């Protein structure tokens, strides 16, 4: 759900709120531990979403697929 500059993910068991007004971009890494990092204008990290190191290869592949789809949206 978008509310102004806020992106709010409100899924059962998972809530995430991100104020996009301070973001300068993102970095997508699709290697062994897939991740998505959002960067602030000053160069710092706003948020990082990454595969857990204990995730199975199948779980990592599923997460990589989600990130790939998000990158082309």
PDB file of N, CA and C in Angstrom:
ATOM      1  N   UNK A   1       0.848  -1.170   0.000  1.00  0.00           N
ATOM      2  CA  UNK A   1       0.000   0.000   0.000  1.00  0.00           C
ATOM      3  C   UNK A   1       0.893   1.231   0.000  1.00  0.00           C
ATOM      4  N   UNK A   2       0.656   2.150  -0.915  1.00  0.00           N
ATOM      5  CA  UNK A   2       1.402   3.415  -0.948  1.00  0.00           C
ATOM      6  C   UNK A   2       0.624   4.495  -0.209  1.00  0.00           C
ATOM      7  N   UNK A   3       1.343   5.241   0.624  1.00  0.00           N
ATOM      8  CA  UNK A   3       0.778   6.400   1.315  1.00  0.00           C
ATOM      9  C   UNK A   3       1.807   7.512   1.229  1.00  0.00           C
ATOM     10  N   UNK A   4       1.637   8.393   0.245  1.00  0.00           N
ATOM     11  CA  UNK A   4       2.630   9.438   0.025  1.00  0.00           C
ATOM     12  C   UNK A   4       3.950   8.809  -0.375  1.00  0.00           C
ATOM     13  N   UNK A   5       5.017   9.159   0.344  1.00  0.00           N
ATOM     14  CA  UNK A   5       6.341   8.613   0.026  1.00  0.00           C
ATOM     15  C   UNK A   5       6.600   7.261   0.696  1.00  0.00           C
ATOM     16  N   UNK A   6       5.620   6.769   1.436  1.00  0.00           N
ATOM     17  CA  UNK A   6       5.792   5.503   2.157  1.00  0.00           C
ATOM     18  C   UNK A   6       5.278   4.325   1.339  1.00  0.00           C
ATOM     19  N   UNK A   7       6.078   3.260   1.324  1.00  0.00           N
ATOM     20  CA  UNK A   7       5.666   1.968   0.779  1.00  0.00           C
ATOM     21  C   UNK A   7       5.442   1.059   1.978  1.00  0.00           C
ATOM     22  N   UNK A   8       4.240   0.535   2.089  1.00  0.00           N
ATOM     23  CA  UNK A   8       3.868  -0.297   3.231  1.00  0.00           C
ATOM     24  C   UNK A   8       3.491  -1.686   2.740  1.00  0.00           C
ATOM     25  N   UNK A   9       4.249  -2.680   3.141  1.00  0.00           N
ATOM     26  CA  UNK A   9       3.936  -4.067   2.837  1.00  0.00           C
ATOM     27  C   UNK A   9       3.227  -4.621   4.066  1.00  0.00           C
ATOM     28  N   UNK A  10       1.994  -5.048   3.877  1.00  0.00           N
ATOM     29  CA  UNK A  10       1.175  -5.519   4.986  1.00  0.00           C
ATOM     30  C   UNK A  10       0.669  -6.923   4.670  1.00  0.00           C
ATOM     31  N   UNK A  11       1.545  -7.882   4.758  1.00  0.00           N
ATOM     32  CA  UNK A  11       1.208  -9.277   4.502  1.00  0.00           C
ATOM     33  C   UNK A  11       0.994  -9.988   5.830  1.00  0.00           C
ATOM     34  N   UNK A  12       0.235 -11.067   5.841  1.00  0.00           N
ATOM     35  CA  UNK A  12       0.064 -11.827   7.088  1.00  0.00           C
ATOM     36  C   UNK A  12       1.421 -12.268   7.653  1.00  0.00           C
ATOM     37  N   UNK A  13       1.714 -11.863   8.865  1.00  0.00           N
ATOM     38  CA  UNK A  13       2.965 -12.247   9.510  1.00  0.00           C
ATOM     39  C   UNK A  13       4.163 -11.414   9.110  1.00  0.00           C
ATOM     40  N   UNK A  14       3.978 -10.404   8.250  1.00  0.00           N
ATOM     41  CA  UNK A  14       5.115  -9.593   7.800  1.00  0.00           C
ATOM     42  C   UNK A  14       4.644  -8.181   7.487  1.00  0.00           C
ATOM     43  N   UNK A  15       5.131  -7.208   8.228  1.00  0.00           N
ATOM     44  CA  UNK A  15       4.868  -5.796   7.957  1.00  0.00           C
ATOM     45  C   UNK A  15       6.195  -5.110   7.708  1.00  0.00           C
ATOM     46  N   UNK A  16       6.226  -4.265   6.667  1.00  0.00           N
ATOM     47  CA  UNK A  16       7.447  -3.532   6.339  1.00  0.00           C
ATOM     48  C   UNK A  16       7.040  -2.158   5.854  1.00  0.00           C
ATOM     49  N   UNK A  17       7.674  -1.112   6.393  1.00  0.00           N
ATOM     50  CA  UNK A  17       7.349   0.267   6.048  1.00  0.00           C
ATOM     51  C   UNK A  17       8.629   0.965   5.621  1.00  0.00           C
ATOM     52  N   UNK A  18       8.619   1.537   4.409  1.00  0.00           N
ATOM     53  CA  UNK A  18       9.809   2.177   3.864  1.00  0.00           C
ATOM     54  C   UNK A  18       9.454   3.560   3.345  1.00  0.00           C
ATOM     55  N   UNK A  19      10.088   4.590   3.895  1.00  0.00           N
ATOM     56  CA  UNK A  19       9.922   5.959   3.406  1.00  0.00           C
ATOM     57  C   UNK A  19      10.896   6.143   2.245  1.00  0.00           C
ATOM     58  N   UNK A  20      10.370   6.200   1.034  1.00  0.00           N
ATOM     59  CA  UNK A  20      11.203   6.272  -0.158  1.00  0.00           C
ATOM     60  C   UNK A  20      11.764   7.662  -0.447  1.00  0.00           C
ATOM     61  N   UNK A  21      11.338   8.665   0.310  1.00  0.00           N
ATOM     62  CA  UNK A  21      11.759  10.036   0.010  1.00  0.00           C
ATOM     63  C   UNK A  21      13.267  10.243   0.158  1.00  0.00           C
ATOM     64  N   UNK A  22      13.928   9.490   1.020  1.00  0.00           N
ATOM     65  CA  UNK A  22      15.365   9.656   1.229  1.00  0.00           C
ATOM     66  C   UNK A  22      16.224   8.702   0.419  1.00  0.00           C
ATOM     67  N   UNK A  23      15.588   7.868  -0.404  1.00  0.00           N
ATOM     68  CA  UNK A  23      16.352   6.865  -1.145  1.00  0.00           C
ATOM     69  C   UNK A  23      17.031   7.455  -2.374  1.00  0.00           C
ATOM     70  N   UNK A  24      18.231   6.968  -2.633  1.00  0.00           N
ATOM     71  CA  UNK A  24      18.975   7.399  -3.812  1.00  0.00           C
ATOM     72  C   UNK A  24      19.097   6.277  -4.835  1.00  0.00           C
ATOM     73  N   UNK A  25      18.675   5.075  -4.485  1.00  0.00           N
ATOM     74  CA  UNK A  25      18.757   3.954  -5.413  1.00  0.00           C
ATOM     75  C   UNK A  25      18.867   2.645  -4.673  1.00  0.00           C
ATOM     76  N   UNK A  26      19.197   1.624  -5.445  1.00  0.00           N
ATOM     77  CA  UNK A  26      19.311   0.303  -4.863  1.00  0.00           C
ATOM     78  C   UNK A  26      20.370  -0.508  -5.573  1.00  0.00           C
ATOM     79  N   UNK A  27      20.769  -1.582  -4.925  1.00  0.00           N
ATOM     80  CA  UNK A  27      21.759  -2.495  -5.487  1.00  0.00           C
ATOM     81  C   UNK A  27      21.186  -3.898  -5.389  1.00  0.00           C
ATOM     82  N   UNK A  28      21.122  -4.571  -6.524  1.00  0.00           N
ATOM     83  CA  UNK A  28      20.616  -5.921  -6.597  1.00  0.00           C
ATOM     84  C   UNK A  28      21.788  -6.872  -6.803  1.00  0.00           C
ATOM     85  N   UNK A  29      21.899  -7.895  -5.944  1.00  0.00           N
ATOM     86  CA  UNK A  29      22.953  -8.901  -6.066  1.00  0.00           C
ATOM     87  C   UNK A  29      22.281 -10.267  -6.199  1.00  0.00           C
ATOM     88  N   UNK A  30      22.541 -10.959  -7.292  1.00  0.00           N
ATOM     89  CA  UNK A  30      21.867 -12.231  -7.544  1.00  0.00           C
ATOM     90  C   UNK A  30      22.811 -13.421  -7.430  1.00  0.00           C
ATOM     91  N   UNK A  31      23.884 -13.280  -6.681  1.00  0.00           N
ATOM     92  CA  UNK A  31      24.856 -14.355  -6.505  1.00  0.00           C
ATOM     93  C   UNK A  31      24.359 -15.444  -5.574  1.00  0.00           C
ATOM     94  N   UNK A  32      25.295 -16.087  -4.868  1.00  0.00           N
ATOM     95  CA  UNK A  32      24.969 -17.203  -3.989  1.00  0.00           C
ATOM     96  C   UNK A  32      24.015 -16.803  -2.866  1.00  0.00           C
ATOM     97  N   UNK A  33      24.178 -15.605  -2.308  1.00  0.00           N
ATOM     98  CA  UNK A  33      23.260 -15.070  -1.298  1.00  0.00           C
ATOM     99  C   UNK A  33      22.551 -13.855  -1.889  1.00  0.00           C
ATOM    100  N   UNK A  34      21.457 -14.065  -2.626  1.00  0.00           N
ATOM    101  CA  UNK A  34      20.772 -12.969  -3.297  1.00  0.00           C
ATOM    102  C   UNK A  34      20.323 -11.893  -2.306  1.00  0.00           C
ATOM    103  N   UNK A  35      20.452 -10.620  -2.723  1.00  0.00           N
ATOM    104  CA  UNK A  35      20.059  -9.535  -1.824  1.00  0.00           C
ATOM    105  C   UNK A  35      19.626  -8.308  -2.618  1.00  0.00           C
ATOM    106  N   UNK A  36      18.909  -7.449  -1.928  1.00  0.00           N
ATOM    107  CA  UNK A  36      18.510  -6.153  -2.446  1.00  0.00           C
ATOM    108  C   UNK A  36      18.802  -5.139  -1.354  1.00  0.00           C
ATOM    109  N   UNK A  37      19.616  -4.142  -1.664  1.00  0.00           N
ATOM    110  CA  UNK A  37      19.949  -3.094  -0.694  1.00  0.00           C
ATOM    111  C   UNK A  37      19.438  -1.766  -1.222  1.00  0.00           C
ATOM    112  N   UNK A  38      18.785  -1.003  -0.375  1.00  0.00           N
ATOM    113  CA  UNK A  38      18.347   0.349  -0.707  1.00  0.00           C
ATOM    114  C   UNK A  38      19.342   1.326  -0.116  1.00  0.00           C
ATOM    115  N   UNK A  39      19.770   2.305  -0.898  1.00  0.00           N
ATOM    116  CA  UNK A  39      20.775   3.273  -0.472  1.00  0.00           C
ATOM    117  C   UNK A  39      20.138   4.641  -0.198  1.00  0.00           C
ATOM    118  N   UNK A  40      20.682   5.311   0.809  1.00  0.00           N
ATOM    119  CA  UNK A  40      20.287   6.677   1.139  1.00  0.00           C
ATOM    120  C   UNK A  40      21.108   7.664   0.319  1.00  0.00           C
ATOM    121  N   UNK A  41      20.641   8.887   0.252  1.00  0.00           N
ATOM    122  CA  UNK A  41      21.350   9.922  -0.490  1.00  0.00           C
ATOM    123  C   UNK A  41      22.758  10.165   0.012  1.00  0.00           C
ATOM    124  N   UNK A  42      23.020   9.920   1.300  1.00  0.00           N
ATOM    125  CA  UNK A  42      24.366  10.135   1.854  1.00  0.00           C
ATOM    126  C   UNK A  42      25.277   8.931   1.664  1.00  0.00           C
ATOM    127  N   UNK A  43      24.760   7.876   0.976  1.00  0.00           N
ATOM    128  CA  UNK A  43      25.562   6.693   0.712  1.00  0.00           C
ATOM    129  C   UNK A  43      25.357   5.560   1.684  1.00  0.00           C
ATOM    130  N   UNK A  44      24.628   5.796   2.755  1.00  0.00           N
ATOM    131  CA  UNK A  44      24.390   4.743   3.742  1.00  0.00           C
ATOM    132  C   UNK A  44      23.290   3.791   3.297  1.00  0.00           C
ATOM    133  N   UNK A  45      23.147   2.706   4.020  1.00  0.00           N
ATOM    134  CA  UNK A  45      22.097   1.736   3.746  1.00  0.00           C
ATOM    135  C   UNK A  45      20.803   2.148   4.430  1.00  0.00           C
ATOM    136  N   UNK A  46      19.703   2.074   3.681  1.00  0.00           N
ATOM    137  CA  UNK A  46      18.379   2.295   4.268  1.00  0.00           C
ATOM    138  C   UNK A  46      17.783   0.964   4.695  1.00  0.00           C
ATOM    139  N   UNK A  47      17.996  -0.065   3.876  1.00  0.00           N
ATOM    140  CA  UNK A  47      17.473  -1.398   4.171  1.00  0.00           C
ATOM    141  C   UNK A  47      18.204  -2.418   3.322  1.00  0.00           C
ATOM    142  N   UNK A  48      18.295  -3.623   3.832  1.00  0.00           N
ATOM    143  CA  UNK A  48      18.900  -4.722   3.073  1.00  0.00           C
ATOM    144  C   UNK A  48      18.028  -5.952   3.289  1.00  0.00           C
ATOM    145  N   UNK A  49      17.636  -6.558   2.192  1.00  0.00           N
ATOM    146  CA  UNK A  49      16.859  -7.795   2.218  1.00  0.00           C
ATOM    147  C   UNK A  49      17.732  -8.855   1.582  1.00  0.00           C
ATOM    148  N   UNK A  50      18.065  -9.892   2.336  1.00  0.00           N
ATOM    149  CA  UNK A  50      18.977 -10.892   1.789  1.00  0.00           C
ATOM    150  C   UNK A  50      18.588 -12.287   2.235  1.00  0.00           C
ATOM    151  N   UNK A  51      19.061 -13.288   1.478  1.00  0.00           N
ATOM    152  CA  UNK A  51      18.818 -14.677   1.836  1.00  0.00           C
ATOM    153  C   UNK A  51      19.547 -14.994   3.127  1.00  0.00           C
ATOM    154  N   UNK A  52      18.931 -15.795   3.940  1.00  0.00           N
ATOM    155  CA  UNK A  52      19.549 -16.260   5.174  1.00  0.00           C
ATOM    156  C   UNK A  52      20.661 -17.252   4.826  1.00  0.00           C
ATOM    157  N   UNK A  53      21.747 -17.197   5.546  1.00  0.00           N
ATOM    158  CA  UNK A  53      22.859 -18.103   5.256  1.00  0.00           C
ATOM    159  C   UNK A  53      22.485 -19.570   5.464  1.00  0.00           C
ATOM    160  N   UNK A  54      21.425 -19.835   6.232  1.00  0.00           N
ATOM    161  CA  UNK A  54      20.990 -21.217   6.444  1.00  0.00           C
ATOM    162  C   UNK A  54      19.929 -21.658   5.440  1.00  0.00           C
ATOM    163  N   UNK A  55      19.568 -20.782   4.508  1.00  0.00           N
ATOM    164  CA  UNK A  55      18.555 -21.125   3.502  1.00  0.00           C
ATOM    165  C   UNK A  55      19.062 -22.253   2.603  1.00  0.00           C
ATOM    166  N   UNK A  56      18.146 -23.098   2.197  1.00  0.00           N
ATOM    167  CA  UNK A  56      18.496 -24.190   1.291  1.00  0.00           C
ATOM    168  C   UNK A  56      18.732 -23.629  -0.114  1.00  0.00           C
ATOM    169  N   UNK A  57      19.396 -24.367  -0.977  1.00  0.00           N
ATOM    170  CA  UNK A  57      19.562 -23.908  -2.356  1.00  0.00           C
ATOM    171  C   UNK A  57      18.221 -23.596  -3.038  1.00  0.00           C
ATOM    172  N   UNK A  58      17.194 -24.390  -2.746  1.00  0.00           N
ATOM    173  CA  UNK A  58      15.870 -24.128  -3.315  1.00  0.00           C
ATOM    174  C   UNK A  58      15.271 -22.825  -2.810  1.00  0.00           C
ATOM    175  N   UNK A  59      15.442 -22.543  -1.513  1.00  0.00           N
ATOM    176  CA  UNK A  59      14.945 -21.288  -0.940  1.00  0.00           C
ATOM    177  C   UNK A  59      15.683 -20.091  -1.538  1.00  0.00           C
ATOM    178  N   UNK A  60      16.989 -20.239  -1.715  1.00  0.00           N
ATOM    179  CA  UNK A  60      17.772 -19.152  -2.314  1.00  0.00           C
ATOM    180  C   UNK A  60      17.340 -18.910  -3.754  1.00  0.00           C
ATOM    181  N   UNK A  61      17.081 -19.998  -4.486  1.00  0.00           N
ATOM    182  CA  UNK A  61      16.631 -19.862  -5.874  1.00  0.00           C
ATOM    183  C   UNK A  61      15.271 -19.162  -5.936  1.00  0.00           C
ATOM    184  N   UNK A  62      14.377 -19.493  -5.002  1.00  0.00           N
ATOM    185  CA  UNK A  62      13.070 -18.846  -4.955  1.00  0.00           C
ATOM    186  C   UNK A  62      13.216 -17.353  -4.667  1.00  0.00           C
ATOM    187  N   UNK A  63      14.070 -16.990  -3.722  1.00  0.00           N
ATOM    188  CA  UNK A  63      14.311 -15.584  -3.377  1.00  0.00           C
ATOM    189  C   UNK A  63      14.937 -14.851  -4.565  1.00  0.00           C
ATOM    190  N   UNK A  64      15.880 -15.495  -5.247  1.00  0.00           N
ATOM    191  CA  UNK A  64      16.512 -14.916  -6.434  1.00  0.00           C
ATOM    192  C   UNK A  64      15.443 -14.630  -7.500  1.00  0.00           C
ATOM    193  N   UNK A  65      14.506 -15.557  -7.673  1.00  0.00           N
ATOM    194  CA  UNK A  65      13.424 -15.367  -8.637  1.00  0.00           C
ATOM    195  C   UNK A  65      12.545 -14.185  -8.285  1.00  0.00           C
ATOM    196  N   UNK A  66      12.243 -14.024  -7.002  1.00  0.00           N
ATOM    197  CA  UNK A  66      11.441 -12.872  -6.560  1.00  0.00           C
ATOM    198  C   UNK A  66      12.182 -11.581  -6.867  1.00  0.00           C
ATOM    199  N   UNK A  67      13.464 -11.518  -6.562  1.00  0.00           N
ATOM    200  CA  UNK A  67      14.249 -10.308  -6.816  1.00  0.00           C
ATOM    201  C   UNK A  67      14.350 -10.020  -8.312  1.00  0.00           C
ATOM    202  N   UNK A  68      14.524 -11.061  -9.131  1.00  0.00           N
ATOM    203  CA  UNK A  68      14.591 -10.852 -10.577  1.00  0.00           C
ATOM    204  C   UNK A  68      13.293 -10.276 -11.112  1.00  0.00           C
ATOM    205  N   UNK A  69      12.156 -10.785 -10.641  1.00  0.00           N
ATOM    206  CA  UNK A  69      10.854 -10.259 -11.073  1.00  0.00           C
ATOM    207  C   UNK A  69      10.673  -8.821 -10.622  1.00  0.00           C
ATOM    208  N   UNK A  70      11.088  -8.510  -9.411  1.00  0.00           N
ATOM    209  CA  UNK A  70      10.962  -7.143  -8.895  1.00  0.00           C
ATOM    210  C   UNK A  70      11.826  -6.171  -9.683  1.00  0.00           C
ATOM    211  N   UNK A  71      12.973  -6.635 -10.153  1.00  0.00           N
ATOM    212  CA  UNK A  71      13.902  -5.764 -10.876  1.00  0.00           C
ATOM    213  C   UNK A  71      13.346  -5.333 -12.226  1.00  0.00           C
ATOM    214  N   UNK A  72      12.486  -6.140 -12.829  1.00  0.00           N
ATOM    215  CA  UNK A  72      11.937  -5.792 -14.130  1.00  0.00           C
ATOM    216  C   UNK A  72      10.557  -5.158 -14.038  1.00  0.00           C
ATOM    217  N   UNK A  73      10.010  -5.024 -12.838  1.00  0.00           N
ATOM    218  CA  UNK A  73       8.685  -4.419 -12.655  1.00  0.00           C
ATOM    219  C   UNK A  73       8.749  -2.917 -12.790  1.00  0.00           C
TER     220      UNK A  73
END
